[in-house]
Amino acid sequence: MDYLQNMIDIRKEAGITQKELAERIGWSRPQIQRYETRKSIPSIEYLIAFCVYHFCFPLIRMFSAVQEL
């Protein structure tokens, strides 16, 4: 599992649609969709906004499930 999949899982566990997340963090739904479908790489600004929106969710947790080599 990678950080993008972690972001999708976190959003879905919170019961939030892409549209709701976009409205709450000031981004567009199509941009979030591009991130979640891996057509675009999230900016650091998006990662921070995502984590802050999710109750000061630690940025490191998003990357914690990435397998080590």
N, C-alpha and C. Protein backbone atom coordinates (compact mmCIF):
# COMPACT_ATOMS: atom_id res chain seq x y z
N MET A 1 0.86 -1.18 0.00
CA MET A 1 0.00 0.00 0.00
C MET A 1 0.90 1.24 0.00
N ASP A 2 0.50 2.24 -0.75
CA ASP A 2 1.30 3.45 -0.82
C ASP A 2 0.52 4.64 -0.25
N TYR A 3 1.16 5.79 -0.21
CA TYR A 3 0.54 6.94 0.43
C TYR A 3 -0.72 7.40 -0.31
N LEU A 4 -0.77 7.27 -1.63
CA LEU A 4 -1.99 7.67 -2.34
C LEU A 4 -3.16 6.76 -1.95
N GLN A 5 -2.89 5.47 -1.85
CA GLN A 5 -3.95 4.56 -1.43
C GLN A 5 -4.35 4.85 0.02
N ASN A 6 -3.38 5.19 0.86
CA ASN A 6 -3.69 5.57 2.24
C ASN A 6 -4.63 6.77 2.27
N MET A 7 -4.37 7.76 1.40
CA MET A 7 -5.22 8.95 1.35
C MET A 7 -6.64 8.60 0.95
N ILE A 8 -6.78 7.73 -0.04
CA ILE A 8 -8.11 7.30 -0.48
C ILE A 8 -8.82 6.58 0.66
N ASP A 9 -8.12 5.66 1.31
CA ASP A 9 -8.71 4.90 2.41
C ASP A 9 -9.14 5.82 3.55
N ILE A 10 -8.30 6.78 3.89
CA ILE A 10 -8.61 7.71 4.98
C ILE A 10 -9.86 8.52 4.64
N ARG A 11 -9.91 9.01 3.41
CA ARG A 11 -11.07 9.80 2.99
C ARG A 11 -12.35 8.97 3.04
N LYS A 12 -12.27 7.75 2.54
CA LYS A 12 -13.45 6.88 2.51
C LYS A 12 -13.87 6.47 3.92
N GLU A 13 -12.90 6.17 4.79
CA GLU A 13 -13.22 5.82 6.18
C GLU A 13 -13.93 6.95 6.89
N ALA A 14 -13.59 8.18 6.51
CA ALA A 14 -14.25 9.35 7.10
C ALA A 14 -15.62 9.60 6.49
N GLY A 15 -15.96 8.85 5.45
CA GLY A 15 -17.26 9.00 4.81
C GLY A 15 -17.39 10.29 4.02
N ILE A 16 -16.28 10.74 3.44
CA ILE A 16 -16.24 12.01 2.72
C ILE A 16 -16.04 11.74 1.24
N THR A 17 -16.86 12.37 0.41
CA THR A 17 -16.70 12.24 -1.03
C THR A 17 -15.57 13.14 -1.51
N GLN A 18 -15.13 12.90 -2.72
CA GLN A 18 -14.12 13.76 -3.32
C GLN A 18 -14.62 15.21 -3.37
N LYS A 19 -15.87 15.38 -3.71
CA LYS A 19 -16.46 16.72 -3.80
C LYS A 19 -16.45 17.42 -2.44
N GLU A 20 -16.86 16.69 -1.40
CA GLU A 20 -16.88 17.27 -0.05
C GLU A 20 -15.48 17.66 0.40
N LEU A 21 -14.51 16.78 0.15
CA LEU A 21 -13.13 17.08 0.52
C LEU A 21 -12.65 18.31 -0.23
N ALA A 22 -12.93 18.36 -1.52
CA ALA A 22 -12.50 19.51 -2.33
C ALA A 22 -13.07 20.81 -1.79
N GLU A 23 -14.34 20.81 -1.45
CA GLU A 23 -14.98 22.02 -0.92
C GLU A 23 -14.37 22.44 0.41
N ARG A 24 -14.06 21.48 1.24
CA ARG A 24 -13.55 21.79 2.58
C ARG A 24 -12.11 22.26 2.60
N ILE A 25 -11.31 21.82 1.62
CA ILE A 25 -9.91 22.25 1.63
C ILE A 25 -9.60 23.26 0.54
N GLY A 26 -10.62 23.63 -0.24
CA GLY A 26 -10.43 24.68 -1.24
C GLY A 26 -9.77 24.22 -2.52
N TRP A 27 -9.91 22.97 -2.86
CA TRP A 27 -9.38 22.44 -4.11
C TRP A 27 -10.55 22.01 -4.98
N SER A 28 -10.29 21.65 -6.22
CA SER A 28 -11.36 21.20 -7.10
C SER A 28 -11.50 19.69 -7.03
N ARG A 29 -12.72 19.21 -7.25
CA ARG A 29 -12.95 17.76 -7.25
C ARG A 29 -12.17 17.09 -8.38
N PRO A 30 -12.11 17.69 -9.59
CA PRO A 30 -11.31 17.04 -10.63
C PRO A 30 -9.83 16.89 -10.26
N GLN A 31 -9.29 17.87 -9.51
CA GLN A 31 -7.89 17.76 -9.09
C GLN A 31 -7.71 16.59 -8.13
N ILE A 32 -8.62 16.44 -7.19
CA ILE A 32 -8.54 15.32 -6.24
C ILE A 32 -8.70 14.01 -6.99
N GLN A 33 -9.59 13.97 -7.96
CA GLN A 33 -9.78 12.77 -8.76
C GLN A 33 -8.49 12.41 -9.51
N ARG A 34 -7.80 13.41 -10.06
CA ARG A 34 -6.54 13.15 -10.75
C ARG A 34 -5.50 12.57 -9.79
N TYR A 35 -5.47 13.07 -8.55
CA TYR A 35 -4.54 12.52 -7.57
C TYR A 35 -4.89 11.06 -7.26
N GLU A 36 -6.16 10.82 -7.03
CA GLU A 36 -6.58 9.47 -6.61
C GLU A 36 -6.47 8.45 -7.74
N THR A 37 -6.51 8.91 -8.97
CA THR A 37 -6.35 7.99 -10.10
C THR A 37 -4.92 7.98 -10.65
N ARG A 38 -4.04 8.68 -9.93
CA ARG A 38 -2.61 8.71 -10.25
C ARG A 38 -2.29 9.36 -11.60
N LYS A 39 -3.15 10.26 -12.01
CA LYS A 39 -2.88 11.01 -13.23
C LYS A 39 -2.08 12.27 -12.94
N SER A 40 -1.96 12.59 -11.67
CA SER A 40 -1.20 13.75 -11.23
C SER A 40 -0.63 13.45 -9.85
N ILE A 41 0.50 14.04 -9.54
CA ILE A 41 1.13 13.83 -8.24
C ILE A 41 0.71 14.97 -7.32
N PRO A 42 0.22 14.64 -6.12
CA PRO A 42 -0.21 15.68 -5.19
C PRO A 42 0.93 16.61 -4.80
N SER A 43 0.61 17.88 -4.70
CA SER A 43 1.59 18.86 -4.24
C SER A 43 1.71 18.76 -2.72
N ILE A 44 2.77 19.31 -2.20
CA ILE A 44 2.95 19.33 -0.74
C ILE A 44 1.83 20.14 -0.09
N GLU A 45 1.37 21.18 -0.78
CA GLU A 45 0.26 21.99 -0.25
C GLU A 45 -0.99 21.14 -0.08
N TYR A 46 -1.25 20.27 -1.06
CA TYR A 46 -2.42 19.39 -0.97
C TYR A 46 -2.25 18.40 0.19
N LEU A 47 -1.07 17.81 0.29
CA LEU A 47 -0.84 16.84 1.37
C LEU A 47 -1.05 17.47 2.74
N ILE A 48 -0.55 18.68 2.90
CA ILE A 48 -0.73 19.37 4.18
C ILE A 48 -2.19 19.70 4.41
N ALA A 49 -2.87 20.23 3.40
CA ALA A 49 -4.30 20.56 3.55
C ALA A 49 -5.10 19.31 3.88
N PHE A 50 -4.80 18.20 3.24
CA PHE A 50 -5.49 16.94 3.49
C PHE A 50 -5.30 16.52 4.94
N CYS A 51 -4.07 16.57 5.41
CA CYS A 51 -3.76 16.15 6.79
C CYS A 51 -4.39 17.08 7.81
N VAL A 52 -4.34 18.37 7.58
CA VAL A 52 -4.94 19.32 8.51
C VAL A 52 -6.45 19.13 8.57
N TYR A 53 -7.07 18.92 7.42
CA TYR A 53 -8.52 18.70 7.40
C TYR A 53 -8.90 17.49 8.24
N HIS A 54 -8.09 16.46 8.17
CA HIS A 54 -8.40 15.23 8.90
C HIS A 54 -7.89 15.30 10.33
N PHE A 55 -8.35 16.31 11.06
CA PHE A 55 -8.11 16.40 12.50
C PHE A 55 -6.63 16.39 12.85
N CYS A 56 -5.87 17.20 12.16
CA CYS A 56 -4.42 17.28 12.39
C CYS A 56 -3.77 15.92 12.22
N PHE A 57 -4.24 15.20 11.23
CA PHE A 57 -3.72 13.88 10.88
C PHE A 57 -2.24 13.99 10.59
N PRO A 58 -1.40 13.21 11.26
CA PRO A 58 0.04 13.33 11.04
C PRO A 58 0.44 12.91 9.62
N LEU A 59 1.17 13.76 8.94
CA LEU A 59 1.61 13.48 7.59
C LEU A 59 2.38 12.16 7.53
N ILE A 60 3.14 11.86 8.55
CA ILE A 60 3.95 10.64 8.57
C ILE A 60 3.08 9.39 8.52
N ARG A 61 1.87 9.44 9.10
CA ARG A 61 1.01 8.25 9.10
C ARG A 61 0.60 7.87 7.68
N MET A 62 0.46 8.87 6.82
CA MET A 62 0.09 8.59 5.45
C MET A 62 1.14 7.72 4.77
N PHE A 63 2.38 7.88 5.18
CA PHE A 63 3.47 7.13 4.55
C PHE A 63 3.87 5.90 5.35
N SER A 64 3.25 5.67 6.49
CA SER A 64 3.68 4.60 7.39
C SER A 64 3.43 3.21 6.84
N ALA A 65 2.47 3.04 5.97
CA ALA A 65 2.16 1.70 5.45
C ALA A 65 2.98 1.36 4.21
N VAL A 66 3.82 2.29 3.77
CA VAL A 66 4.67 2.01 2.62
C VAL A 66 5.69 0.97 3.03
N GLN A 67 5.76 -0.08 2.24
CA GLN A 67 6.67 -1.18 2.58
C GLN A 67 8.12 -0.77 2.44
N GLU A 68 8.90 -1.20 3.39
CA GLU A 68 10.33 -0.94 3.34
C GLU A 68 11.01 -2.00 2.50
N LEU A 69 12.07 -1.61 1.83
CA LEU A 69 12.84 -2.58 1.01
C LEU A 69 13.78 -3.37 1.85
